[in-house]
N, C-alpha and C. Protein backbone atom coordinates (compact mmCIF):
# COMPACT_ATOMS: atom_id res chain seq x y z
N MET A 1 0.82 -1.20 0.00
CA MET A 1 0.00 0.00 0.00
C MET A 1 0.86 1.27 0.00
N ARG A 2 1.96 1.25 0.79
CA ARG A 2 2.83 2.44 0.83
C ARG A 2 3.51 2.67 -0.52
N SER A 3 3.84 1.60 -1.21
CA SER A 3 4.44 1.75 -2.55
C SER A 3 3.45 2.38 -3.52
N GLN A 4 2.21 1.97 -3.44
CA GLN A 4 1.19 2.56 -4.32
C GLN A 4 1.00 4.04 -4.01
N LEU A 5 1.01 4.40 -2.72
CA LEU A 5 0.91 5.82 -2.35
C LEU A 5 2.10 6.60 -2.91
N ALA A 6 3.29 6.03 -2.80
CA ALA A 6 4.48 6.70 -3.32
C ALA A 6 4.40 6.89 -4.83
N CYS A 7 3.82 5.94 -5.53
CA CYS A 7 3.64 6.07 -6.98
C CYS A 7 2.63 7.15 -7.33
N THR A 8 1.60 7.24 -6.55
CA THR A 8 0.50 8.17 -6.82
C THR A 8 0.85 9.60 -6.44
N VAL A 9 1.60 9.78 -5.38
CA VAL A 9 1.82 11.10 -4.80
C VAL A 9 2.50 12.08 -5.76
N LYS A 10 3.29 11.59 -6.68
CA LYS A 10 3.98 12.52 -7.58
C LYS A 10 3.03 13.22 -8.55
N ARG A 11 1.82 12.71 -8.67
CA ARG A 11 0.83 13.33 -9.55
C ARG A 11 -0.04 14.35 -8.83
N LEU A 12 0.17 14.51 -7.54
CA LEU A 12 -0.64 15.43 -6.74
C LEU A 12 0.08 16.77 -6.61
N PRO A 13 -0.64 17.86 -6.32
CA PRO A 13 0.02 19.15 -6.08
C PRO A 13 0.89 19.07 -4.82
N ALA A 14 1.92 19.88 -4.77
CA ALA A 14 2.89 19.84 -3.66
C ALA A 14 2.22 19.97 -2.30
N ARG A 15 1.22 20.82 -2.16
CA ARG A 15 0.58 21.04 -0.86
C ARG A 15 -0.07 19.76 -0.33
N VAL A 16 -0.43 18.84 -1.22
CA VAL A 16 -0.99 17.55 -0.83
C VAL A 16 0.09 16.47 -0.82
N ALA A 17 0.95 16.50 -1.81
CA ALA A 17 1.95 15.44 -1.99
C ALA A 17 3.01 15.42 -0.89
N LEU A 18 3.53 16.57 -0.54
CA LEU A 18 4.66 16.59 0.39
C LEU A 18 4.32 16.10 1.79
N PRO A 19 3.14 16.39 2.34
CA PRO A 19 2.79 15.77 3.62
C PRO A 19 2.67 14.24 3.53
N VAL A 20 2.23 13.74 2.38
CA VAL A 20 2.16 12.29 2.20
C VAL A 20 3.57 11.71 2.13
N VAL A 21 4.47 12.39 1.43
CA VAL A 21 5.87 11.96 1.39
C VAL A 21 6.43 11.91 2.81
N GLU A 22 6.15 12.93 3.61
CA GLU A 22 6.60 12.95 5.00
C GLU A 22 6.11 11.72 5.75
N ALA A 23 4.84 11.41 5.60
CA ALA A 23 4.27 10.26 6.30
C ALA A 23 4.94 8.96 5.85
N LEU A 24 5.22 8.85 4.56
CA LEU A 24 5.85 7.64 4.04
C LEU A 24 7.32 7.53 4.44
N VAL A 25 8.01 8.64 4.50
CA VAL A 25 9.42 8.63 4.90
C VAL A 25 9.59 8.20 6.35
N ASN A 26 8.58 8.44 7.15
CA ASN A 26 8.65 8.05 8.56
C ASN A 26 8.64 6.54 8.78
N HIS A 27 8.46 5.77 7.73
CA HIS A 27 8.51 4.30 7.84
C HIS A 27 9.95 3.85 7.60
N ALA A 28 10.75 3.89 8.66
CA ALA A 28 12.17 3.53 8.56
C ALA A 28 12.36 2.12 8.02
N GLU A 29 11.41 1.25 8.26
CA GLU A 29 11.53 -0.13 7.78
C GLU A 29 11.59 -0.20 6.25
N ASP A 30 11.16 0.86 5.57
CA ASP A 30 11.20 0.88 4.10
C ASP A 30 12.55 1.36 3.55
N SER A 31 13.45 1.80 4.42
CA SER A 31 14.72 2.34 3.91
C SER A 31 15.57 1.27 3.24
N SER A 32 15.37 0.01 3.58
CA SER A 32 16.12 -1.06 2.92
C SER A 32 15.31 -1.72 1.80
N ASP A 33 14.11 -1.22 1.57
CA ASP A 33 13.28 -1.73 0.48
C ASP A 33 13.95 -1.41 -0.85
N ARG A 34 13.76 -2.29 -1.80
CA ARG A 34 14.40 -2.10 -3.10
C ARG A 34 13.82 -0.92 -3.88
N TYR A 35 12.52 -0.63 -3.71
CA TYR A 35 11.84 0.35 -4.55
C TYR A 35 11.37 1.61 -3.83
N GLN A 36 10.96 1.50 -2.59
CA GLN A 36 10.33 2.62 -1.90
C GLN A 36 11.19 3.89 -1.87
N PRO A 37 12.49 3.82 -1.55
CA PRO A 37 13.28 5.06 -1.57
C PRO A 37 13.27 5.75 -2.93
N LEU A 38 13.36 4.97 -4.00
CA LEU A 38 13.32 5.57 -5.35
C LEU A 38 11.96 6.15 -5.67
N LEU A 39 10.92 5.46 -5.30
CA LEU A 39 9.57 5.99 -5.55
C LEU A 39 9.37 7.32 -4.84
N LEU A 40 9.85 7.42 -3.61
CA LEU A 40 9.72 8.68 -2.87
C LEU A 40 10.61 9.76 -3.48
N TRP A 41 11.81 9.39 -3.92
CA TRP A 41 12.66 10.37 -4.59
C TRP A 41 11.97 10.90 -5.84
N TRP A 42 11.38 10.03 -6.64
CA TRP A 42 10.71 10.48 -7.86
C TRP A 42 9.58 11.45 -7.54
N ALA A 43 8.91 11.22 -6.43
CA ALA A 43 7.84 12.15 -6.02
C ALA A 43 8.43 13.51 -5.66
N VAL A 44 9.50 13.51 -4.87
CA VAL A 44 10.14 14.78 -4.48
C VAL A 44 10.70 15.47 -5.71
N GLU A 45 11.34 14.73 -6.57
CA GLU A 45 11.94 15.31 -7.78
C GLU A 45 10.86 15.92 -8.67
N ALA A 46 9.72 15.26 -8.79
CA ALA A 46 8.61 15.80 -9.59
C ALA A 46 8.14 17.13 -9.01
N LYS A 47 8.05 17.22 -7.70
CA LYS A 47 7.62 18.48 -7.07
C LYS A 47 8.69 19.56 -7.23
N LEU A 48 9.96 19.18 -7.20
CA LEU A 48 11.03 20.16 -7.44
C LEU A 48 10.93 20.74 -8.84
N ARG A 49 10.54 19.92 -9.78
CA ARG A 49 10.40 20.36 -11.17
C ARG A 49 9.15 21.21 -11.36
N GLU A 50 8.04 20.78 -10.77
CA GLU A 50 6.75 21.44 -11.00
C GLU A 50 6.51 22.63 -10.08
N GLU A 51 6.91 22.52 -8.84
CA GLU A 51 6.66 23.57 -7.84
C GLU A 51 7.92 23.77 -6.99
N PRO A 52 8.99 24.27 -7.62
CA PRO A 52 10.28 24.34 -6.93
C PRO A 52 10.28 25.20 -5.66
N ALA A 53 9.63 26.33 -5.67
CA ALA A 53 9.65 27.21 -4.49
C ALA A 53 8.98 26.54 -3.30
N ASP A 54 7.82 25.95 -3.51
CA ASP A 54 7.11 25.26 -2.43
C ASP A 54 7.91 24.07 -1.91
N THR A 55 8.52 23.35 -2.82
CA THR A 55 9.27 22.16 -2.42
C THR A 55 10.53 22.54 -1.65
N MET A 56 11.21 23.59 -2.08
CA MET A 56 12.39 24.04 -1.34
C MET A 56 12.00 24.55 0.05
N ARG A 57 10.89 25.25 0.15
CA ARG A 57 10.41 25.69 1.49
C ARG A 57 10.13 24.48 2.37
N TRP A 58 9.53 23.47 1.79
CA TRP A 58 9.26 22.23 2.52
C TRP A 58 10.56 21.59 3.01
N LEU A 59 11.55 21.54 2.14
CA LEU A 59 12.85 20.97 2.54
C LEU A 59 13.48 21.78 3.66
N GLU A 60 13.33 23.10 3.61
CA GLU A 60 13.92 23.95 4.65
C GLU A 60 13.31 23.70 6.02
N HIS A 61 12.03 23.36 6.04
CA HIS A 61 11.33 23.21 7.32
C HIS A 61 11.00 21.76 7.65
N SER A 62 11.48 20.86 6.85
CA SER A 62 11.14 19.46 7.05
C SER A 62 11.95 18.83 8.19
N PRO A 63 11.27 18.11 9.06
CA PRO A 63 11.98 17.38 10.12
C PRO A 63 12.53 16.04 9.63
N LEU A 64 12.40 15.77 8.35
CA LEU A 64 12.74 14.45 7.81
C LEU A 64 14.21 14.21 7.53
N TRP A 65 15.02 15.23 7.55
CA TRP A 65 16.42 15.09 7.17
C TRP A 65 17.13 13.96 7.91
N SER A 66 16.78 13.74 9.15
CA SER A 66 17.46 12.71 9.93
C SER A 66 16.78 11.34 9.85
N GLU A 67 15.67 11.26 9.16
CA GLU A 67 15.00 9.96 9.00
C GLU A 67 15.83 9.07 8.08
N PRO A 68 16.02 7.80 8.44
CA PRO A 68 16.87 6.91 7.63
C PRO A 68 16.49 6.86 6.15
N LEU A 69 15.21 6.76 5.84
CA LEU A 69 14.80 6.66 4.45
C LEU A 69 15.09 7.96 3.69
N PHE A 70 14.89 9.09 4.33
CA PHE A 70 15.16 10.38 3.69
C PHE A 70 16.67 10.55 3.47
N ARG A 71 17.43 10.23 4.51
CA ARG A 71 18.88 10.40 4.44
C ARG A 71 19.49 9.51 3.37
N THR A 72 19.08 8.24 3.32
CA THR A 72 19.71 7.33 2.37
C THR A 72 19.07 7.33 0.99
N GLY A 73 17.80 7.71 0.90
CA GLY A 73 17.12 7.63 -0.38
C GLY A 73 16.93 8.93 -1.11
N ILE A 74 17.06 10.05 -0.41
CA ILE A 74 16.72 11.33 -1.04
C ILE A 74 17.86 12.35 -0.99
N VAL A 75 18.55 12.46 0.13
CA VAL A 75 19.51 13.56 0.32
C VAL A 75 20.59 13.57 -0.75
N SER A 76 21.26 12.47 -1.01
CA SER A 76 22.32 12.49 -2.02
C SER A 76 21.76 12.76 -3.41
N ARG A 77 20.55 12.28 -3.66
CA ARG A 77 19.92 12.54 -4.96
C ARG A 77 19.60 14.02 -5.15
N LEU A 78 19.29 14.71 -4.06
CA LEU A 78 19.09 16.16 -4.15
C LEU A 78 20.37 16.83 -4.64
N GLY A 79 21.49 16.47 -4.03
CA GLY A 79 22.77 17.05 -4.45
C GLY A 79 23.09 16.73 -5.90
N ARG A 80 22.86 15.50 -6.30
CA ARG A 80 23.15 15.10 -7.68
C ARG A 80 22.23 15.83 -8.66
N ARG A 81 20.96 15.97 -8.31
CA ARG A 81 20.00 16.61 -9.20
C ARG A 81 20.39 18.05 -9.51
N PHE A 82 20.82 18.78 -8.49
CA PHE A 82 21.11 20.20 -8.69
C PHE A 82 22.50 20.47 -9.26
N THR A 83 23.39 19.49 -9.26
CA THR A 83 24.71 19.72 -9.86
C THR A 83 24.80 19.19 -11.28
N THR A 84 23.97 18.29 -11.65
CA THR A 84 24.05 17.69 -12.97
C THR A 84 23.93 18.72 -14.08
N GLU A 85 23.00 19.66 -13.95
CA GLU A 85 22.79 20.67 -15.00
C GLU A 85 23.85 21.77 -14.97
N ARG A 86 24.39 22.06 -13.82
CA ARG A 86 25.44 23.07 -13.63
C ARG A 86 25.00 24.51 -13.92
N SER A 87 23.72 24.77 -13.94
CA SER A 87 23.28 26.16 -14.11
C SER A 87 23.56 26.92 -12.82
N GLN A 88 23.67 28.22 -12.91
CA GLN A 88 23.92 29.04 -11.73
C GLN A 88 22.78 28.90 -10.72
N ALA A 89 21.55 28.85 -11.21
CA ALA A 89 20.40 28.72 -10.32
C ALA A 89 20.45 27.40 -9.56
N HIS A 90 20.79 26.32 -10.24
CA HIS A 90 20.85 25.02 -9.57
C HIS A 90 22.02 24.94 -8.60
N LEU A 91 23.14 25.52 -8.97
CA LEU A 91 24.28 25.52 -8.05
C LEU A 91 23.98 26.36 -6.80
N LYS A 92 23.20 27.41 -6.97
CA LYS A 92 22.77 28.20 -5.80
C LYS A 92 21.83 27.37 -4.92
N GLN A 93 21.02 26.53 -5.54
CA GLN A 93 20.15 25.65 -4.76
C GLN A 93 20.99 24.66 -3.94
N CYS A 94 22.11 24.21 -4.50
CA CYS A 94 23.02 23.34 -3.74
C CYS A 94 23.52 24.06 -2.49
N ALA A 95 23.91 25.30 -2.65
CA ALA A 95 24.36 26.08 -1.50
C ALA A 95 23.25 26.21 -0.47
N ARG A 96 22.05 26.43 -0.94
CA ARG A 96 20.90 26.54 -0.04
C ARG A 96 20.68 25.23 0.72
N LEU A 97 20.75 24.11 0.00
CA LEU A 97 20.58 22.81 0.65
C LEU A 97 21.68 22.56 1.68
N LEU A 98 22.90 22.91 1.33
CA LEU A 98 24.00 22.73 2.29
C LEU A 98 23.77 23.57 3.55
N SER A 99 23.18 24.73 3.39
CA SER A 99 22.95 25.59 4.55
C SER A 99 21.82 25.09 5.44
N ILE A 100 20.91 24.28 4.90
CA ILE A 100 19.80 23.80 5.71
C ILE A 100 20.00 22.37 6.20
N ALA A 101 21.02 21.69 5.71
CA ALA A 101 21.29 20.32 6.20
C ALA A 101 21.54 20.40 7.71
N PRO A 102 20.81 19.62 8.50
CA PRO A 102 20.87 19.78 9.94
C PRO A 102 22.14 19.25 10.62
N SER A 103 22.88 18.38 9.96
CA SER A 103 24.09 17.86 10.59
C SER A 103 25.12 17.49 9.53
N MET A 104 26.30 17.13 9.98
CA MET A 104 27.36 16.74 9.05
C MET A 104 27.00 15.45 8.31
N VAL A 105 26.19 14.59 8.91
CA VAL A 105 25.79 13.35 8.23
C VAL A 105 25.04 13.69 6.94
N GLU A 106 24.08 14.57 7.05
CA GLU A 106 23.31 14.96 5.88
C GLU A 106 24.15 15.81 4.92
N THR A 107 25.01 16.64 5.45
CA THR A 107 25.91 17.43 4.60
C THR A 107 26.79 16.52 3.77
N ARG A 108 27.33 15.47 4.39
CA ARG A 108 28.16 14.52 3.64
C ARG A 108 27.36 13.82 2.54
N GLU A 109 26.11 13.48 2.84
CA GLU A 109 25.26 12.85 1.82
C GLU A 109 25.02 13.80 0.65
N LEU A 110 24.74 15.06 0.96
CA LEU A 110 24.57 16.06 -0.11
C LEU A 110 25.84 16.17 -0.94
N LEU A 111 26.97 16.26 -0.28
CA LEU A 111 28.25 16.40 -0.98
C LEU A 111 28.55 15.16 -1.83
N ARG A 112 28.19 14.01 -1.34
CA ARG A 112 28.39 12.78 -2.11
C ARG A 112 27.57 12.85 -3.40
N GLY A 113 26.31 13.26 -3.29
CA GLY A 113 25.47 13.40 -4.47
C GLY A 113 25.97 14.48 -5.42
N MET A 114 26.43 15.60 -4.85
CA MET A 114 26.96 16.68 -5.68
C MET A 114 28.19 16.20 -6.44
N SER A 115 29.04 15.44 -5.78
CA SER A 115 30.23 14.91 -6.43
C SER A 115 29.85 14.00 -7.60
N GLN A 116 28.85 13.17 -7.40
CA GLN A 116 28.37 12.30 -8.49
C GLN A 116 27.82 13.13 -9.64
N GLY A 117 27.08 14.18 -9.32
CA GLY A 117 26.50 15.03 -10.35
C GLY A 117 27.54 15.81 -11.14
N LEU A 118 28.65 16.10 -10.48
CA LEU A 118 29.71 16.88 -11.12
C LEU A 118 30.73 16.01 -11.86
N ALA A 119 30.65 14.72 -11.71
CA ALA A 119 31.65 13.83 -12.30
C ALA A 119 31.76 14.03 -13.81
N GLY A 120 33.00 14.15 -14.26
CA GLY A 120 33.26 14.21 -15.68
C GLY A 120 33.28 15.57 -16.33
N ASN A 121 32.74 16.59 -15.70
CA ASN A 121 32.72 17.92 -16.29
C ASN A 121 33.08 18.96 -15.25
N LYS A 122 33.57 20.07 -15.72
CA LYS A 122 33.91 21.14 -14.80
C LYS A 122 32.78 22.17 -14.74
N VAL A 123 32.81 22.94 -13.68
CA VAL A 123 31.86 24.04 -13.51
C VAL A 123 32.57 25.30 -13.96
N ASP A 124 31.98 26.02 -14.91
CA ASP A 124 32.62 27.23 -15.43
C ASP A 124 32.72 28.32 -14.38
N GLN A 125 31.64 28.55 -13.66
CA GLN A 125 31.65 29.60 -12.65
C GLN A 125 30.86 29.13 -11.45
N ILE A 126 31.51 29.17 -10.29
CA ILE A 126 30.87 28.75 -9.05
C ILE A 126 30.24 29.97 -8.41
N PRO A 127 28.94 29.90 -8.10
CA PRO A 127 28.29 31.04 -7.46
C PRO A 127 28.91 31.32 -6.09
N ASP A 128 28.92 32.58 -5.70
CA ASP A 128 29.49 32.98 -4.41
C ASP A 128 28.89 32.18 -3.26
N GLU A 129 27.58 31.94 -3.32
CA GLU A 129 26.90 31.20 -2.25
C GLU A 129 27.48 29.80 -2.07
N LEU A 130 27.83 29.16 -3.16
CA LEU A 130 28.38 27.82 -3.09
C LEU A 130 29.87 27.85 -2.74
N GLU A 131 30.54 28.85 -3.19
CA GLU A 131 31.97 29.00 -2.89
C GLU A 131 32.19 29.04 -1.37
N LYS A 132 31.30 29.77 -0.66
CA LYS A 132 31.41 29.87 0.79
C LYS A 132 31.24 28.52 1.43
């Protein structure tokens, strides 16, 4: 049932979808599931694409950063998603995510994802926010 909810939630508006994602992420037993972390990531990624401002606000105020499923299934993918394109706006989002990561554990996960996203190509200009 939780997998079906995770599949469905990406088609809902952020104001409805993100609270459902929160509820699903709280099921730590799903962090070792083969599919659930990816399904939840796809939901978050869809909201980042469709409603980026609302989703970033949610990330800033979300208590989920320390939840096992969020930490292992979503945090590094956030870093990878925003570095892959290498636009100034996305690199600034990386800086924003680094500033809201609640601990070094989550910061390391973000950096791991950013490193994966940056593999193979250089960044022409690093925004001041990220440089810091």
